[in-house]
């Protein structure tokens, strides 16, 4: 209220200052009070306390005080009148949507930065508490819209953890198949957009071409290219269609060959290496202190992959390597992702060999509706079907946390049940949200041009950040 009052007083004083009939135009009233994001925003150094200044300059939480202080050692003191604070985004093409990054610049050098979020609020967690467990997958699939099947998987695993139901083997292998295909499509999409951010329009075209193969297969299996509602509590929505093995084999044969072309196009390209090598450095200690996961953490040399360290589904029955980097820069994050695509192809080939016959969803009648043919024959089956899709099934009281390895890192679902057909509480641990914390340490000391490469290397999906 005080800021608004101040704005009104300023407007009235400006009005008095200009005499009637003057040729000078009245300036627009200040809109700071209406547009400010409050504590999220970056303010001049003189208005920022020491702890907040350290965060924005790249000091990392939970590392020793001496190490945090050392971040500022040797830095030339600058005053507010020697620097400027600029906004990069929201709706800047290189911020991957509605991310706003405020940066203090000394010339073209980034002294400190601050990610500002909240421009894409969807309220998915609160919405999930008003939807039944049957309906919930249609909600969470839209969070990370480049990896919808992984969202559905973590939600379904959390519900099944509370239910205590046993999932058929075929359903679990189908989930692994779809999750790894989704990982490939997500990483290829990142290769495309990262190439575009760094000036490679060819990579954008090629990336969409390869991703199209996988989306076409998803459409054949689920009926949709994105936001599938395919992985559901109790199993999957439908069995794999006839001829799925040939489709998957074609993907597994095509993608590695195309990756070789990407290697030739980007890996040895001098401009690409100049834009990524030594840019956006993040040490293993900083990555761990910031709770970064996924390719960001592995690029810094930490071999942490939930598929290996805390296996779920049947990941302990397949062979694959956890890809790690050495330097923790943008190039390492690129190399980790392109090699993870190769490992996902390796996993998918093993899934093809191990896929068993059997049910694609649990036969627990409390969770699974009756077969479609039975509805025409039995009134009890019709009532059972109607009650599951209107009231939903009840989940025993309790709480659980389940985490999986999404293409962006640890995707977790915390869920509390009060015994009804809706979650009492649901919270998603979104990797994009947590990984954004790593931007200030990565950006500090680099150029504005490097900020584009660094933000792209984090691979944030804002639907998951502002869920």
Protein backbone atom coordinates (compact mmCIF):
# COMPACT_ATOMS: atom_id res chain seq x y z
CA UNK A 1 0.00 0.00 0.00
CA UNK A 2 2.84 2.38 0.82
CA UNK A 3 4.45 1.79 -2.60
CA UNK A 4 1.15 2.47 -4.32
CA UNK A 5 0.64 5.62 -2.27
CA UNK A 6 4.11 6.78 -3.14
CA UNK A 7 3.34 6.23 -6.81
CA UNK A 8 0.14 8.28 -6.51
CA UNK A 9 1.95 11.12 -4.72
CA UNK A 10 4.62 11.10 -7.43
CA UNK A 11 1.96 11.39 -10.12
CA UNK A 12 0.20 14.32 -8.40
CA UNK A 13 3.48 16.20 -7.90
CA UNK A 14 4.37 15.68 -11.57
CA UNK A 15 0.97 17.02 -12.55
CA UNK A 16 1.50 20.17 -10.48
CA UNK A 17 4.97 20.65 -11.97
CA UNK A 18 3.66 21.04 -15.51
CA UNK A 19 1.68 24.23 -16.06
CA UNK A 20 -1.54 24.16 -17.99
CA UNK A 21 -0.99 24.68 -21.71
CA UNK A 22 2.67 23.61 -21.59
CA UNK A 23 3.99 21.94 -24.76
CA UNK A 24 5.86 19.35 -22.65
CA UNK A 25 4.11 15.98 -22.24
CA UNK A 26 3.36 14.43 -18.88
CA UNK A 27 5.47 11.30 -18.32
CA UNK A 28 3.77 7.97 -17.63
CA UNK A 29 3.33 7.24 -13.90
CA UNK A 30 5.74 4.72 -12.40
CA UNK A 31 4.55 1.12 -12.65
CA UNK A 32 7.17 -0.31 -10.28
CA UNK A 33 4.59 -1.12 -7.62
CA UNK A 34 2.47 -3.06 -10.10
CA UNK A 35 5.28 -4.99 -11.81
CA UNK A 36 7.71 -5.72 -8.97
CA UNK A 37 8.28 -9.36 -8.04
CA UNK A 38 9.33 -8.35 -4.53
CA UNK A 39 12.08 -10.41 -2.93
CA UNK A 40 12.62 -12.37 -6.14
CA UNK A 41 14.02 -9.36 -7.95
CA UNK A 42 17.62 -8.17 -8.03
CA UNK A 43 18.34 -4.75 -6.53
CA UNK A 44 21.41 -2.47 -6.56
CA UNK A 45 24.33 -3.54 -4.38
CA UNK A 46 23.68 -0.78 -1.85
CA UNK A 47 20.15 -2.16 -1.30
CA UNK A 48 21.20 -5.83 -1.04
CA UNK A 49 22.32 -7.44 2.22
CA UNK A 50 25.59 -9.38 2.36
CA UNK A 51 24.08 -12.89 2.46
CA UNK A 52 21.83 -12.24 -0.54
CA UNK A 53 24.73 -10.62 -2.40
CA UNK A 54 26.81 -13.77 -1.92
CA UNK A 55 24.03 -15.91 -3.33
CA UNK A 56 23.72 -13.74 -6.40
CA UNK A 57 27.49 -13.64 -6.89
CA UNK A 58 27.72 -17.41 -6.90
CA UNK A 59 28.53 -18.38 -3.31
CA UNK A 60 26.81 -21.69 -2.62
CA UNK A 61 24.68 -22.63 0.35
CA UNK A 62 25.90 -25.30 2.80
CA UNK A 63 29.57 -25.13 1.87
CA UNK A 64 32.03 -23.90 4.55
CA UNK A 65 31.92 -20.18 5.33
CA UNK A 66 35.54 -19.78 4.29
CA UNK A 67 34.79 -21.22 0.88
CA UNK A 68 31.76 -18.97 0.49
CA UNK A 69 33.82 -15.93 1.41
CA UNK A 70 36.60 -16.97 -0.96
CA UNK A 71 34.23 -16.51 -3.88
CA UNK A 72 34.62 -12.76 -3.50
CA UNK A 73 38.39 -12.71 -2.91
CA UNK A 74 40.33 -10.78 -5.51
CA UNK A 75 37.22 -9.16 -6.89
CA UNK A 76 37.50 -5.52 -7.87
CA UNK A 77 34.99 -3.45 -5.95
CA UNK A 78 32.42 -1.85 -8.17
CA UNK A 79 29.74 0.70 -7.34
CA UNK A 80 26.17 0.88 -8.55
CA UNK A 81 26.92 3.72 -10.94
CA UNK A 82 29.58 1.63 -12.72
CA UNK A 83 27.28 -1.33 -13.41
CA UNK A 84 23.82 -1.88 -14.79
CA UNK A 85 21.07 -4.40 -14.03
CA UNK A 86 19.31 -5.86 -17.06
CA UNK A 87 16.50 -8.35 -17.64
CA UNK A 88 16.95 -11.34 -19.91
CA UNK A 89 13.41 -12.55 -20.49
CA UNK A 90 10.76 -13.55 -19.76
CA UNK A 91 9.72 -14.58 -23.28
CA UNK A 92 13.30 -14.24 -24.49
CA UNK A 93 13.86 -17.00 -27.08
CA UNK A 94 17.00 -18.26 -25.35
CA UNK A 95 15.47 -18.54 -21.87
CA UNK A 96 13.36 -21.50 -23.02
CA UNK A 97 10.04 -19.82 -22.33
CA UNK A 98 8.96 -17.76 -19.38
CA UNK A 99 12.18 -17.66 -17.33
CA UNK A 100 13.44 -14.22 -16.34
CA UNK A 101 17.11 -13.83 -15.46
CA UNK A 102 18.22 -10.53 -13.91
CA UNK A 103 21.93 -9.81 -14.33
CA UNK A 104 24.26 -7.12 -13.05
CA UNK A 105 26.77 -6.31 -15.76
CA UNK A 106 30.12 -4.59 -15.76
CA UNK A 107 30.37 -3.95 -19.48
CA UNK A 108 29.54 -7.38 -20.90
CA UNK A 109 30.74 -9.33 -17.85
CA UNK A 110 28.12 -10.85 -15.54
CA UNK A 111 28.89 -9.93 -11.91
CA UNK A 112 25.82 -11.50 -10.37
CA UNK A 113 22.53 -12.97 -11.54
CA UNK A 114 19.18 -14.05 -10.20
CA UNK A 115 16.56 -16.32 -11.84
CA UNK A 116 13.02 -14.98 -11.36
CA UNK A 117 10.17 -17.46 -11.84
CA UNK A 118 6.42 -17.47 -11.51
CA UNK A 119 5.20 -16.42 -14.95
CA UNK A 120 3.67 -19.81 -15.80
CA UNK A 121 1.85 -20.80 -12.62
CA UNK A 122 -0.41 -23.76 -13.29
CA UNK A 123 -1.20 -24.87 -9.73
CA UNK A 124 -0.79 -28.52 -10.69
CA UNK A 125 0.03 -29.75 -7.18
CA UNK A 126 -3.06 -28.12 -5.67
CA UNK A 127 -5.13 -29.24 -8.64
CA UNK A 128 -3.87 -32.77 -8.03
CA UNK A 129 -5.37 -32.68 -4.55
CA UNK A 130 -8.80 -32.05 -6.08
CA UNK A 131 -8.55 -34.84 -8.66
CA UNK A 132 -9.05 -38.53 -7.95
CA UNK A 133 -6.13 -40.91 -8.22
CA UNK A 134 -7.62 -42.13 -11.51
CA UNK A 135 -7.61 -38.60 -12.94
CA UNK A 136 -4.22 -37.55 -11.53
CA UNK A 137 -2.06 -38.79 -14.40
CA UNK A 138 -3.79 -36.41 -16.83
CA UNK A 139 -2.65 -33.55 -14.58
CA UNK A 140 1.01 -34.38 -13.92
CA UNK A 141 1.74 -35.41 -17.52
CA UNK A 142 1.63 -31.72 -18.43
CA UNK A 143 4.34 -30.57 -16.00
CA UNK A 144 7.50 -31.45 -17.89
CA UNK A 145 5.87 -31.43 -21.30
CA UNK A 146 9.03 -32.78 -22.95
CA UNK A 147 9.02 -35.81 -20.65
CA UNK A 148 5.34 -36.55 -19.94
CA UNK A 149 5.72 -40.31 -19.51
CA UNK A 150 8.26 -39.89 -16.71
CA UNK A 151 5.82 -37.58 -14.91
CA UNK A 152 3.09 -40.20 -15.20
CA UNK A 153 5.51 -42.89 -14.01
CA UNK A 154 6.55 -41.18 -10.77
CA UNK A 155 2.93 -40.34 -9.95
CA UNK A 156 1.79 -43.91 -10.59
CA UNK A 157 4.65 -45.38 -8.53
CA UNK A 158 3.71 -43.13 -5.61
CA UNK A 159 0.05 -44.19 -5.76
CA UNK A 160 1.02 -47.86 -6.07
CA UNK A 161 3.38 -47.50 -3.11
CA UNK A 162 0.41 -46.44 -0.97
CA UNK A 163 -1.92 -49.03 -2.48
CA UNK A 164 0.53 -51.91 -2.09
CA UNK A 165 -0.60 -53.49 -5.38
CA UNK A 166 1.59 -55.79 -7.45
CA UNK A 167 2.23 -54.68 -11.03
CA UNK A 168 2.50 -57.35 -13.76
CA UNK A 169 5.96 -57.87 -15.24
CA UNK A 170 4.90 -56.92 -18.76
CA UNK A 171 3.48 -53.61 -17.51
CA UNK A 172 6.78 -52.79 -15.79
CA UNK A 173 8.85 -53.58 -18.89
CA UNK A 174 6.48 -51.49 -21.03
CA UNK A 175 7.00 -48.60 -18.60
CA UNK A 176 10.78 -48.95 -18.96
CA UNK A 177 10.51 -49.02 -22.75
CA UNK A 178 8.36 -45.89 -22.89
CA UNK A 179 10.46 -44.03 -20.29
CA UNK A 180 13.71 -44.63 -22.16
CA UNK A 181 12.17 -43.65 -25.49
CA UNK A 182 10.95 -40.49 -23.78
CA UNK A 183 14.48 -39.85 -22.47
CA UNK A 184 15.83 -40.09 -26.02
CA UNK A 185 13.20 -37.72 -27.41
CA UNK A 186 13.81 -35.23 -24.58
CA UNK A 187 17.61 -35.24 -25.03
CA UNK A 188 17.27 -34.94 -28.80
CA UNK A 189 14.94 -32.00 -28.31
CA UNK A 190 17.60 -30.44 -26.07
CA UNK A 191 20.26 -31.02 -28.74
CA UNK A 192 17.99 -29.24 -31.22
CA UNK A 193 17.24 -26.19 -29.06
CA UNK A 194 20.79 -25.98 -27.72
CA UNK A 195 22.06 -25.97 -31.29
CA UNK A 196 19.65 -23.18 -32.15
CA UNK A 197 20.72 -21.16 -29.09
CA UNK A 198 24.34 -21.40 -30.24
CA UNK A 199 23.58 -20.60 -33.86
CA UNK A 200 23.22 -24.06 -35.42
CA UNK A 201 19.92 -24.00 -37.29
CA UNK A 202 20.83 -27.33 -38.90
CA UNK A 203 20.81 -29.06 -35.51
CA UNK A 204 17.32 -27.72 -34.85
CA UNK A 205 16.03 -29.27 -38.07
CA UNK A 206 17.77 -32.61 -37.51
CA UNK A 207 16.68 -32.82 -33.86
CA UNK A 208 13.02 -32.37 -34.74
CA UNK A 209 13.38 -34.97 -37.50
CA UNK A 210 14.63 -37.68 -35.11
CA UNK A 211 12.21 -36.75 -32.35
CA UNK A 212 9.37 -37.11 -34.83
CA UNK A 213 10.09 -40.84 -35.17
CA UNK A 214 9.61 -41.37 -31.45
CA UNK A 215 6.51 -39.17 -31.22
CA UNK A 216 4.97 -41.14 -34.10
CA UNK A 217 5.54 -44.35 -32.13
CA UNK A 218 4.03 -42.76 -29.01
CA UNK A 219 0.98 -41.80 -31.04
CA UNK A 220 0.61 -45.37 -32.26
CA UNK A 221 0.81 -46.73 -28.69
CA UNK A 222 -1.07 -44.11 -26.68
CA UNK A 223 -3.14 -42.23 -29.26
CA UNK A 224 -1.33 -38.95 -28.50
CA UNK A 225 2.03 -37.42 -29.35
CA UNK A 226 2.37 -35.68 -25.97
CA UNK A 227 0.56 -35.62 -22.59
CA UNK A 228 -0.42 -39.25 -22.98
CA UNK A 229 -2.12 -40.39 -19.75
CA UNK A 230 -0.69 -43.80 -20.69
CA UNK A 231 1.17 -44.86 -17.54
CA UNK A 232 -1.51 -45.10 -14.86
CA UNK A 233 -1.76 -46.49 -11.31
CA UNK A 234 -1.97 -50.25 -11.77
CA UNK A 235 -0.08 -50.51 -15.06
CA UNK A 236 -0.54 -48.91 -18.46
CA UNK A 237 -3.65 -47.84 -20.37
CA UNK A 238 -3.31 -50.34 -23.23
CA UNK A 239 -1.03 -53.09 -24.46
CA UNK A 240 1.58 -52.44 -27.13
CA UNK A 241 0.15 -52.57 -30.68
CA UNK A 242 0.97 -55.20 -33.28
CA UNK A 243 4.31 -54.59 -34.95
CA UNK A 244 5.73 -52.52 -32.10
CA UNK A 245 8.97 -54.53 -32.12
CA UNK A 246 9.76 -53.49 -35.71
CA UNK A 247 9.02 -49.84 -34.91
CA UNK A 248 11.32 -49.86 -31.87
CA UNK A 249 14.09 -51.68 -33.75
CA UNK A 250 13.91 -49.04 -36.50
CA UNK A 251 14.34 -46.31 -33.87
CA UNK A 252 17.26 -48.16 -32.28
CA UNK A 253 18.92 -48.61 -35.68
CA UNK A 254 18.37 -45.03 -36.82
CA UNK A 255 19.20 -42.94 -33.74
CA UNK A 256 22.85 -44.10 -33.24
CA UNK A 257 23.66 -43.41 -36.91
CA UNK A 258 22.21 -39.94 -36.63
CA UNK A 259 24.16 -39.32 -33.40
CA UNK A 260 27.34 -39.92 -35.37
CA UNK A 261 26.23 -37.13 -37.70
CA UNK A 262 25.57 -34.84 -34.71
CA UNK A 263 29.07 -35.62 -33.45
CA UNK A 264 30.52 -34.62 -36.80
CA UNK A 265 28.35 -31.50 -36.95
CA UNK A 266 28.94 -30.19 -33.42
CA UNK A 267 31.57 -32.00 -31.34
CA UNK A 268 34.55 -31.04 -33.46
CA UNK A 269 33.14 -27.73 -34.66
CA UNK A 270 35.53 -24.94 -33.54
CA UNK A 271 32.82 -22.33 -32.94
CA UNK A 272 30.69 -24.78 -30.92
CA UNK A 273 33.67 -25.73 -28.75
CA UNK A 274 34.60 -22.08 -28.20
CA UNK A 275 31.05 -21.36 -27.06
CA UNK A 276 30.89 -24.32 -24.64
CA UNK A 277 34.36 -25.34 -23.39
CA UNK A 278 35.19 -23.68 -20.07
CA UNK A 279 31.81 -21.89 -20.08
CA UNK A 280 29.38 -22.30 -17.17
CA UNK A 281 31.81 -24.20 -14.94
CA UNK A 282 30.24 -25.91 -11.91
CA UNK A 283 32.38 -27.98 -9.55
CA UNK A 284 31.19 -31.23 -8.01
CA UNK A 285 31.11 -29.60 -4.55
CA UNK A 286 28.94 -26.74 -5.80
CA UNK A 287 26.60 -29.09 -7.67
CA UNK A 288 26.11 -31.23 -4.56
CA UNK A 289 25.65 -28.17 -2.33
CA UNK A 290 22.94 -26.89 -4.67
CA UNK A 291 21.17 -30.30 -4.84
CA UNK A 292 21.63 -30.38 -8.61
CA UNK A 293 20.84 -33.72 -10.22
CA UNK A 294 20.76 -35.30 -13.64
CA UNK A 295 23.19 -34.35 -16.44
CA UNK A 296 24.30 -31.23 -14.53
CA UNK A 297 25.55 -33.27 -11.57
CA UNK A 298 27.00 -36.06 -13.70
CA UNK A 299 28.80 -33.55 -15.95
CA UNK A 300 30.58 -32.31 -12.81
CA UNK A 301 31.95 -35.82 -12.24
CA UNK A 302 29.47 -37.26 -9.72
CA UNK A 303 28.18 -40.70 -10.86
CA UNK A 304 24.67 -40.30 -9.41
CA UNK A 305 21.88 -41.86 -11.45
CA UNK A 306 18.80 -43.17 -9.64
CA UNK A 307 18.44 -45.95 -12.19
CA UNK A 308 21.74 -47.30 -10.89
CA UNK A 309 22.08 -46.01 -7.31
CA UNK A 310 18.45 -46.54 -6.23
CA UNK A 311 17.03 -48.91 -8.88
CA UNK A 312 13.31 -48.91 -9.62
CA UNK A 313 11.27 -50.87 -12.19
CA UNK A 314 13.73 -53.47 -13.59
CA UNK A 315 16.76 -51.22 -14.10
CA UNK A 316 18.84 -53.56 -11.95
CA UNK A 317 18.30 -56.27 -14.59
CA UNK A 318 19.71 -54.36 -17.56
CA UNK A 319 23.25 -53.27 -18.36
CA UNK A 320 24.10 -49.63 -19.00
CA UNK A 321 26.81 -47.16 -18.04
CA UNK A 322 26.38 -43.98 -16.01
CA UNK A 323 27.96 -41.26 -18.16
CA UNK A 324 29.96 -38.63 -16.26
CA UNK A 325 31.99 -35.58 -17.25
CA UNK A 326 35.29 -34.16 -16.04
CA UNK A 327 35.16 -30.37 -16.10
CA UNK A 328 31.52 -29.54 -15.38
CA UNK A 329 31.19 -27.01 -18.21
CA UNK A 330 28.62 -26.62 -20.98
CA UNK A 331 30.54 -28.96 -23.27
CA UNK A 332 30.51 -31.72 -20.65
CA UNK A 333 26.77 -31.33 -20.20
CA UNK A 334 26.38 -31.66 -23.98
CA UNK A 335 28.61 -34.75 -24.05
CA UNK A 336 26.75 -36.38 -21.14
CA UNK A 337 23.38 -35.99 -22.83
CA UNK A 338 24.44 -37.20 -26.26
CA UNK A 339 26.04 -40.29 -24.69
CA UNK A 340 23.02 -40.92 -22.48
CA UNK A 341 21.00 -41.27 -25.68
CA UNK A 342 23.34 -44.09 -26.70
CA UNK A 343 22.90 -45.77 -23.30
CA UNK A 344 19.11 -45.48 -23.58
CA UNK A 345 19.25 -47.23 -26.95
CA UNK A 346 21.30 -49.94 -25.27
CA UNK A 347 18.65 -50.33 -22.55
CA UNK A 348 15.81 -50.43 -25.08
CA UNK A 349 17.47 -53.25 -27.02
CA UNK A 350 17.61 -55.29 -23.80
CA UNK A 351 13.96 -54.49 -23.06
CA UNK A 352 13.07 -55.85 -26.51
CA UNK A 353 14.76 -59.14 -25.62
CA UNK A 354 13.29 -59.40 -22.12
CA UNK A 355 9.69 -58.27 -22.79
CA UNK A 356 7.43 -61.04 -21.39
CA UNK A 357 3.88 -61.95 -22.25
CA UNK A 358 1.07 -61.34 -19.79
CA UNK A 359 -1.18 -58.61 -18.46
CA UNK A 360 -0.45 -54.94 -19.08
CA UNK A 361 -2.24 -53.87 -15.88
CA UNK A 362 -3.02 -55.33 -12.50
CA UNK A 363 -6.13 -57.48 -12.19
CA UNK A 364 -6.95 -56.09 -8.74
CA UNK A 365 -10.64 -55.22 -9.19
CA UNK A 366 -10.43 -52.37 -6.70
CA UNK A 367 -8.05 -50.53 -9.04
CA UNK A 368 -8.71 -51.81 -12.54
CA UNK A 369 -12.07 -51.49 -14.34
CA UNK A 370 -13.56 -54.60 -15.95
CA UNK A 371 -12.79 -55.43 -19.61
CA UNK A 372 -14.82 -53.49 -22.14
CA UNK A 373 -16.58 -56.64 -23.40
CA UNK A 374 -17.87 -57.46 -19.89
CA UNK A 375 -19.68 -54.11 -19.64
CA UNK A 376 -22.14 -55.20 -22.36
CA UNK A 377 -22.83 -58.49 -20.59
CA UNK A 378 -23.02 -57.65 -16.88
CA UNK A 379 -24.78 -54.95 -14.92
CA UNK A 380 -22.30 -55.45 -12.07
CA UNK A 381 -19.41 -54.80 -14.47
CA UNK A 382 -21.10 -51.64 -15.72
CA UNK A 383 -21.61 -50.36 -12.17
CA UNK A 384 -18.01 -51.26 -11.29
CA UNK A 385 -16.72 -49.35 -14.34
CA UNK A 386 -18.94 -46.36 -13.54
CA UNK A 387 -17.84 -46.15 -9.90
CA UNK A 388 -14.10 -46.32 -10.70
CA UNK A 389 -14.31 -43.50 -13.26
CA UNK A 390 -16.64 -41.28 -11.21
CA UNK A 391 -15.69 -41.85 -7.57
CA UNK A 392 -12.26 -43.39 -8.12
CA UNK A 393 -10.63 -45.99 -5.86
CA UNK A 394 -9.77 -45.38 -2.23
CA UNK A 395 -6.14 -45.45 -1.10
CA UNK A 396 -5.19 -46.50 2.46
CA UNK A 397 -4.00 -43.67 4.74
CA UNK A 398 -0.25 -43.05 4.70
CA UNK A 399 2.52 -41.05 3.09
CA UNK A 400 5.24 -41.88 0.60
CA UNK A 401 8.03 -40.37 -1.45
CA UNK A 402 9.09 -41.96 -4.72
CA UNK A 403 11.85 -40.65 -7.01
CA UNK A 404 12.89 -41.57 -10.54
CA UNK A 405 15.59 -40.40 -12.94
CA UNK A 406 13.92 -38.09 -15.46
CA UNK A 407 15.92 -36.60 -18.37
CA UNK A 408 16.53 -33.53 -16.18
CA UNK A 409 17.39 -35.26 -12.90
CA UNK A 410 15.63 -36.52 -9.79
CA UNK A 411 11.88 -36.26 -10.26
CA UNK A 412 10.16 -37.02 -6.96
CA UNK A 413 6.55 -37.30 -5.84
CA UNK A 414 5.59 -36.87 -2.19
CA UNK A 415 2.04 -37.98 -1.52
CA UNK A 416 -0.16 -38.15 1.57
CA UNK A 417 -3.38 -40.17 1.62
CA UNK A 418 -6.21 -39.72 4.14
CA UNK A 419 -8.08 -42.82 3.00
CA UNK A 420 -10.27 -41.09 0.41
CA UNK A 421 -10.16 -41.27 -3.38
CA UNK A 422 -8.10 -38.04 -3.65
CA UNK A 423 -4.59 -37.24 -2.37
CA UNK A 424 -4.65 -35.22 0.84
CA UNK A 425 -1.33 -33.62 -0.16
CA UNK A 426 0.84 -33.91 -3.26
CA UNK A 427 4.19 -32.29 -3.87
CA UNK A 428 6.49 -32.76 -6.86
CA UNK A 429 10.25 -32.42 -6.54
CA UNK A 430 10.88 -30.95 -9.98
CA UNK A 431 14.51 -31.23 -11.16
CA UNK A 432 14.23 -28.12 -13.37
CA UNK A 433 13.13 -26.08 -10.35
CA UNK A 434 16.08 -27.22 -8.22
CA UNK A 435 18.63 -27.08 -11.04
CA UNK A 436 17.88 -23.41 -11.70
CA UNK A 437 19.74 -22.65 -8.45
CA UNK A 438 22.94 -23.48 -10.29
CA UNK A 439 22.63 -20.52 -12.67
CA UNK A 440 24.31 -17.81 -10.49
CA UNK A 441 27.54 -19.82 -9.91
CA UNK A 442 27.66 -20.79 -13.59
CA UNK A 443 27.04 -17.29 -14.95
CA UNK A 444 29.37 -15.35 -12.65
CA UNK A 445 32.39 -13.95 -14.47
CA UNK A 446 31.17 -14.92 -17.92
CA UNK A 447 29.89 -12.79 -20.75
CA UNK A 448 26.29 -12.01 -21.61
CA UNK A 449 26.71 -14.14 -24.73
CA UNK A 450 27.77 -17.06 -22.50
CA UNK A 451 24.53 -16.73 -20.52
CA UNK A 452 22.60 -18.09 -23.49
CA UNK A 453 24.78 -21.23 -23.61
CA UNK A 454 24.63 -21.70 -19.83
CA UNK A 455 20.85 -21.38 -19.52
CA UNK A 456 20.44 -23.81 -22.41
CA UNK A 457 22.83 -26.30 -20.77
CA UNK A 458 20.60 -26.45 -17.66
CA UNK A 459 17.71 -27.61 -19.91
CA UNK A 460 14.93 -26.10 -17.80
CA UNK A 461 11.28 -26.84 -18.61
CA UNK A 462 9.25 -24.06 -17.05
CA UNK A 463 6.05 -26.08 -16.86
CA UNK A 464 7.84 -28.14 -14.23
CA UNK A 465 9.33 -25.10 -12.46
CA UNK A 466 6.02 -23.23 -12.11
CA UNK A 467 3.88 -26.34 -11.69
